[in-house]
Amino acid sequence: MAGALAAADQVVPLDFNLYMQGKFVYERNCIVCHGQRGDGNGEMSPTLKPKPRSFREGMFKFRTTPYTMLPTDDDLRRTITHGLSGTAMGAFSHLQSDEVEAVIAYVKSFSRRWRKPENYAEAISLAPAPEWLKKESEVKAHAGVGQKLFATNCAACHGEKADGKGAAAIALKDIWGLPAAPADLRQPHPRCGDGPEDLYRVLATGLNGTPMVSFEATLSEAQRWDVVAYLLSIRLPSVPVL
């Protein structure tokens, strides 16, 4: 009962002044990619890969909330201010905090999912990084375990080499009907973030709107950290820009 009340409390009446400020921020910074209607069909959209996110379905990949649930404001704030590596979504760190709050409110206006309490959930309590992650000798052992778990649970899509070329990859699509190419998990800057906790978060929450589901019920916390150790062990070096 308390959880339901907490979710309902998150549905707040529209603040018209905040909405109008957010509209101004959106039109200056976001409309060229995400479009006037928030459908991902902005002027630059045809030239971009991956395609800019449509906000109209209320589906957001990068969250701390359970699979299928709406993100928290902190989740949206993180994406806006830090961007998404490997996409046209840059870091809008130049925006003032009130501008970020306003554009978050405006983005929410594009989908009716934000009006329904059942779509809200509190952030998942994610397990802290284990102490062994700081010890190279122990990380190697855990990575070996993680490699076996990866082969069983992830290789069909991400490939045996974690290069995104699994047997099932070619047929995967997202809810927008677009090809959902599995990530090359060897890349030095994953879209979800560079840290071990970022990789763990995706394993726990999944990516809404894509075939990447949550492994919270499939893998234990310890097993998820083993997979993270494996992914860190195969990460390619970052090449400096000359």
Protein backbone atom coordinates (compact mmCIF):
# COMPACT_ATOMS: atom_id res chain seq x y z
CA MET A 1 0.00 0.00 0.00
CA ALA A 2 2.81 2.40 0.88
CA GLY A 3 4.48 1.72 -2.48
CA ALA A 4 1.27 2.50 -4.37
CA LEU A 5 0.86 5.77 -2.47
CA ALA A 6 4.48 6.71 -3.16
CA ALA A 7 3.94 6.09 -6.86
CA ALA A 8 0.76 8.15 -6.91
CA ASP A 9 2.53 11.03 -5.22
CA GLN A 10 4.88 11.27 -8.22
CA VAL A 11 2.04 12.24 -10.57
CA VAL A 12 2.01 15.98 -10.08
CA PRO A 13 -0.24 18.59 -11.74
CA LEU A 14 1.28 20.42 -14.68
CA ASP A 15 3.06 23.63 -13.69
CA PHE A 16 2.30 25.88 -16.66
CA ASN A 17 5.24 28.25 -16.05
CA LEU A 18 7.66 25.31 -15.76
CA TYR A 19 6.14 23.78 -18.89
CA MET A 20 6.64 26.98 -20.88
CA GLN A 21 10.23 27.33 -19.67
CA GLY A 22 10.84 23.70 -20.62
CA LYS A 23 9.31 24.29 -24.06
CA PHE A 24 11.77 27.15 -24.59
CA VAL A 25 14.74 24.99 -23.48
CA TYR A 26 13.54 22.08 -25.64
CA GLU A 27 13.14 24.22 -28.76
CA ARG A 28 16.62 25.69 -28.32
CA ASN A 29 18.42 22.42 -27.60
CA CYS A 30 16.39 19.31 -28.46
CA ILE A 31 13.89 19.92 -31.24
CA VAL A 32 16.41 19.56 -34.08
CA CYS A 33 16.81 15.87 -33.24
CA HIS A 34 13.75 14.84 -31.22
CA GLY A 35 11.26 16.86 -33.26
CA GLN A 36 8.52 19.36 -32.49
CA ARG A 37 6.15 16.57 -31.42
CA GLY A 38 8.79 14.67 -29.45
CA ASP A 39 8.53 11.75 -31.87
CA GLY A 40 12.23 11.52 -32.74
CA ASN A 41 11.64 12.97 -36.21
CA GLY A 42 13.56 16.21 -35.95
CA GLU A 43 15.33 17.89 -38.84
CA MET A 44 18.58 16.01 -38.14
CA SER A 45 16.93 12.66 -37.49
CA PRO A 46 17.35 11.11 -40.98
CA THR A 47 21.13 11.50 -40.75
CA LEU A 48 21.50 10.04 -37.24
CA LYS A 49 22.17 6.49 -36.14
CA PRO A 50 20.80 5.47 -33.77
CA LYS A 51 17.61 7.41 -34.38
CA PRO A 52 16.77 10.01 -31.70
CA ARG A 53 14.43 8.76 -28.99
CA SER A 54 10.70 9.25 -29.41
CA PHE A 55 9.24 10.47 -26.13
CA ARG A 56 5.65 9.75 -27.13
CA GLU A 57 5.66 6.14 -25.91
CA GLY A 58 7.13 7.05 -22.55
CA MET A 59 9.78 4.33 -22.87
CA PHE A 60 13.27 5.16 -21.63
CA LYS A 61 16.21 2.79 -21.79
CA PHE A 62 18.46 4.15 -19.08
CA ARG A 63 16.81 4.04 -15.68
CA THR A 64 17.24 2.89 -12.10
CA THR A 65 13.62 1.75 -11.95
CA PRO A 66 12.31 -1.78 -12.70
CA TYR A 67 11.90 -2.98 -16.28
CA THR A 68 8.97 -1.30 -18.16
CA MET A 69 8.64 1.44 -15.51
CA LEU A 70 9.15 5.17 -16.06
CA PRO A 71 12.53 6.64 -15.11
CA THR A 72 13.01 8.88 -12.11
CA ASP A 73 13.80 12.55 -12.57
CA ASP A 74 17.37 11.74 -11.50
CA ASP A 75 17.59 9.21 -14.35
CA LEU A 76 16.47 11.79 -16.90
CA ARG A 77 18.77 14.39 -15.36
CA ARG A 78 21.74 12.05 -15.72
CA THR A 79 21.04 11.43 -19.42
CA ILE A 80 20.54 15.13 -20.16
CA THR A 81 23.68 16.33 -18.37
CA HIS A 82 26.02 13.43 -19.26
CA GLY A 83 24.74 12.42 -22.69
CA LEU A 84 24.92 8.96 -24.26
CA SER A 85 28.23 7.78 -25.67
CA GLY A 86 28.15 6.63 -29.30
CA THR A 87 25.02 8.64 -30.14
CA ALA A 88 24.15 12.18 -31.16
CA MET A 89 22.86 12.76 -27.61
CA GLY A 90 25.61 14.98 -26.26
CA ALA A 91 26.14 16.18 -22.71
CA PHE A 92 24.03 19.29 -22.06
CA SER A 93 26.13 20.25 -19.06
CA HIS A 94 25.82 23.93 -20.00
CA LEU A 95 22.16 23.97 -18.92
CA GLN A 96 21.37 25.51 -15.56
CA SER A 97 19.68 23.26 -12.99
CA ASP A 98 16.34 25.07 -13.38
CA GLU A 99 16.53 24.62 -17.15
CA VAL A 100 17.09 20.89 -16.72
CA GLU A 101 14.12 20.62 -14.36
CA ALA A 102 11.97 22.54 -16.83
CA VAL A 103 12.89 20.45 -19.87
CA ILE A 104 12.24 17.27 -17.87
CA ALA A 105 8.73 18.54 -17.17
CA TYR A 106 8.25 19.36 -20.85
CA VAL A 107 9.50 15.96 -22.06
CA LYS A 108 6.96 14.31 -19.77
CA SER A 109 4.16 16.16 -21.55
CA PHE A 110 4.68 14.09 -24.71
CA SER A 111 3.38 10.80 -23.27
CA ARG A 112 0.25 9.91 -21.32
CA ARG A 113 2.21 7.25 -19.42
CA TRP A 114 3.36 10.00 -17.05
CA ARG A 115 -0.27 10.60 -16.01
CA LYS A 116 -0.82 7.05 -14.71
CA PRO A 117 0.40 6.11 -11.22
CA GLU A 118 0.84 2.44 -12.21
CA ASN A 119 3.75 3.38 -14.48
CA TYR A 120 5.79 4.83 -11.62
CA ALA A 121 8.15 2.94 -9.34
CA GLU A 122 10.90 3.81 -6.93
CA ALA A 123 14.50 3.28 -7.98
CA ILE A 124 15.82 -0.22 -7.40
CA SER A 125 18.26 -0.54 -4.53
CA LEU A 126 21.35 -1.64 -6.43
CA ALA A 127 24.03 -3.70 -4.73
CA PRO A 128 27.26 -1.76 -4.08
CA ALA A 129 30.36 -2.79 -6.00
CA PRO A 130 32.07 -5.71 -4.22
CA GLU A 131 35.43 -5.18 -2.54
CA TRP A 132 37.07 -7.77 -4.78
CA LEU A 133 36.58 -5.42 -7.73
CA LYS A 134 39.52 -3.41 -6.35
CA LYS A 135 41.86 -6.42 -6.35
CA GLU A 136 43.23 -7.39 -9.75
CA SER A 137 43.97 -10.99 -8.81
CA GLU A 138 40.40 -11.56 -7.62
CA VAL A 139 38.84 -9.74 -10.56
CA LYS A 140 40.48 -12.23 -12.93
CA ALA A 141 38.89 -15.18 -11.13
CA HIS A 142 35.46 -13.56 -11.10
CA ALA A 143 35.82 -12.65 -14.79
CA GLY A 144 36.33 -16.35 -15.57
CA VAL A 145 33.04 -17.15 -13.86
CA GLY A 146 31.40 -14.22 -15.61
CA GLN A 147 32.55 -15.44 -19.02
CA LYS A 148 30.64 -18.70 -18.54
CA LEU A 149 27.54 -16.83 -17.38
CA PHE A 150 27.82 -14.51 -20.36
CA ALA A 151 28.03 -17.45 -22.78
CA THR A 152 24.83 -18.91 -21.33
CA ASN A 153 22.76 -15.74 -20.91
CA CYS A 154 24.08 -13.10 -23.30
CA ALA A 155 26.02 -14.59 -26.23
CA ALA A 156 22.94 -15.39 -28.34
CA CYS A 157 22.46 -11.66 -28.91
CA HIS A 158 25.80 -10.07 -28.05
CA GLY A 159 27.95 -12.82 -29.59
CA GLU A 160 30.55 -15.14 -28.14
CA LYS A 161 33.11 -12.32 -28.34
CA ALA A 162 30.65 -9.74 -26.93
CA ASP A 163 30.98 -7.82 -30.20
CA GLY A 164 27.23 -7.51 -30.78
CA LYS A 165 27.21 -10.19 -33.49
CA GLY A 166 25.23 -12.99 -31.90
CA ALA A 167 23.14 -15.43 -33.91
CA ALA A 168 19.90 -13.71 -32.89
CA ALA A 169 21.15 -10.16 -33.49
CA ILE A 170 19.97 -9.73 -37.07
CA ALA A 171 16.30 -10.34 -36.20
CA LEU A 172 16.05 -8.10 -33.14
CA LYS A 173 13.81 -5.04 -33.23
CA ASP A 174 12.70 -2.47 -30.66
CA ILE A 175 9.14 -1.37 -29.94
CA TRP A 176 9.47 1.31 -32.62
CA GLY A 177 10.04 -1.40 -35.23
CA LEU A 178 13.65 -0.38 -35.76
CA PRO A 179 16.59 -2.81 -35.79
CA ALA A 180 17.84 -3.22 -32.22
CA ALA A 181 21.47 -4.09 -32.78
CA PRO A 182 22.98 -5.51 -29.58
CA ALA A 183 25.77 -3.37 -28.15
CA ASP A 184 29.41 -4.18 -28.79
CA LEU A 185 30.23 -4.65 -25.13
CA ARG A 186 33.97 -4.37 -25.72
CA GLN A 187 33.79 -0.65 -26.44
CA PRO A 188 35.65 1.61 -23.97
CA HIS A 189 32.66 3.91 -23.47
CA PRO A 190 29.38 1.98 -23.20
CA ARG A 191 26.23 3.99 -23.84
CA CYS A 192 24.98 3.31 -20.32
CA GLY A 193 28.12 4.82 -18.74
CA ASP A 194 31.76 3.88 -18.19
CA GLY A 195 31.66 2.62 -14.61
CA PRO A 196 31.14 -0.95 -13.33
CA GLU A 197 28.00 0.26 -11.58
CA ASP A 198 26.58 1.42 -14.93
CA LEU A 199 26.98 -2.05 -16.44
CA TYR A 200 25.47 -3.61 -13.33
CA ARG A 201 22.51 -1.23 -13.46
CA VAL A 202 21.61 -2.33 -17.00
CA LEU A 203 21.80 -6.00 -16.00
CA ALA A 204 19.44 -5.24 -13.12
CA THR A 205 16.94 -2.99 -14.93
CA GLY A 206 17.15 -3.94 -18.60
CA LEU A 207 16.55 -1.41 -21.38
CA ASN A 208 12.92 -0.45 -21.91
CA GLY A 209 11.60 -0.81 -25.44
CA THR A 210 14.36 -3.20 -26.49
CA PRO A 211 14.99 -6.97 -26.34
CA MET A 212 17.45 -6.31 -23.47
CA VAL A 213 15.42 -7.46 -20.48
CA SER A 214 16.27 -7.31 -16.80
CA PHE A 215 18.37 -10.16 -15.39
CA GLU A 216 17.30 -9.40 -11.84
CA ALA A 217 15.28 -12.62 -11.61
CA THR A 218 17.67 -14.69 -13.71
CA LEU A 219 21.07 -13.90 -12.22
CA SER A 220 21.89 -13.30 -8.57
CA GLU A 221 23.63 -10.10 -7.49
CA ALA A 222 26.93 -11.99 -7.24
CA GLN A 223 26.51 -13.46 -10.71
CA ARG A 224 25.73 -10.05 -12.21
CA TRP A 225 28.94 -8.67 -10.73
CA ASP A 226 30.82 -11.64 -12.21
CA VAL A 227 29.45 -10.72 -15.65
CA VAL A 228 30.51 -7.12 -15.05
CA ALA A 229 34.03 -8.33 -14.20
CA TYR A 230 34.14 -10.24 -17.48
CA LEU A 231 32.98 -7.24 -19.50
CA LEU A 232 35.61 -5.05 -17.87
CA SER A 233 38.28 -7.65 -18.69
CA ILE A 234 37.53 -7.54 -22.43
CA ARG A 235 37.08 -3.77 -22.74
CA LEU A 236 39.12 -2.27 -25.56
CA PRO A 237 41.53 0.55 -24.77
CA SER A 238 40.28 4.07 -25.31
CA VAL A 239 42.05 5.67 -28.27
CA PRO A 240 43.00 9.31 -27.60
CA VAL A 241 41.85 11.93 -30.07
CA LEU A 242 44.88 13.51 -31.80
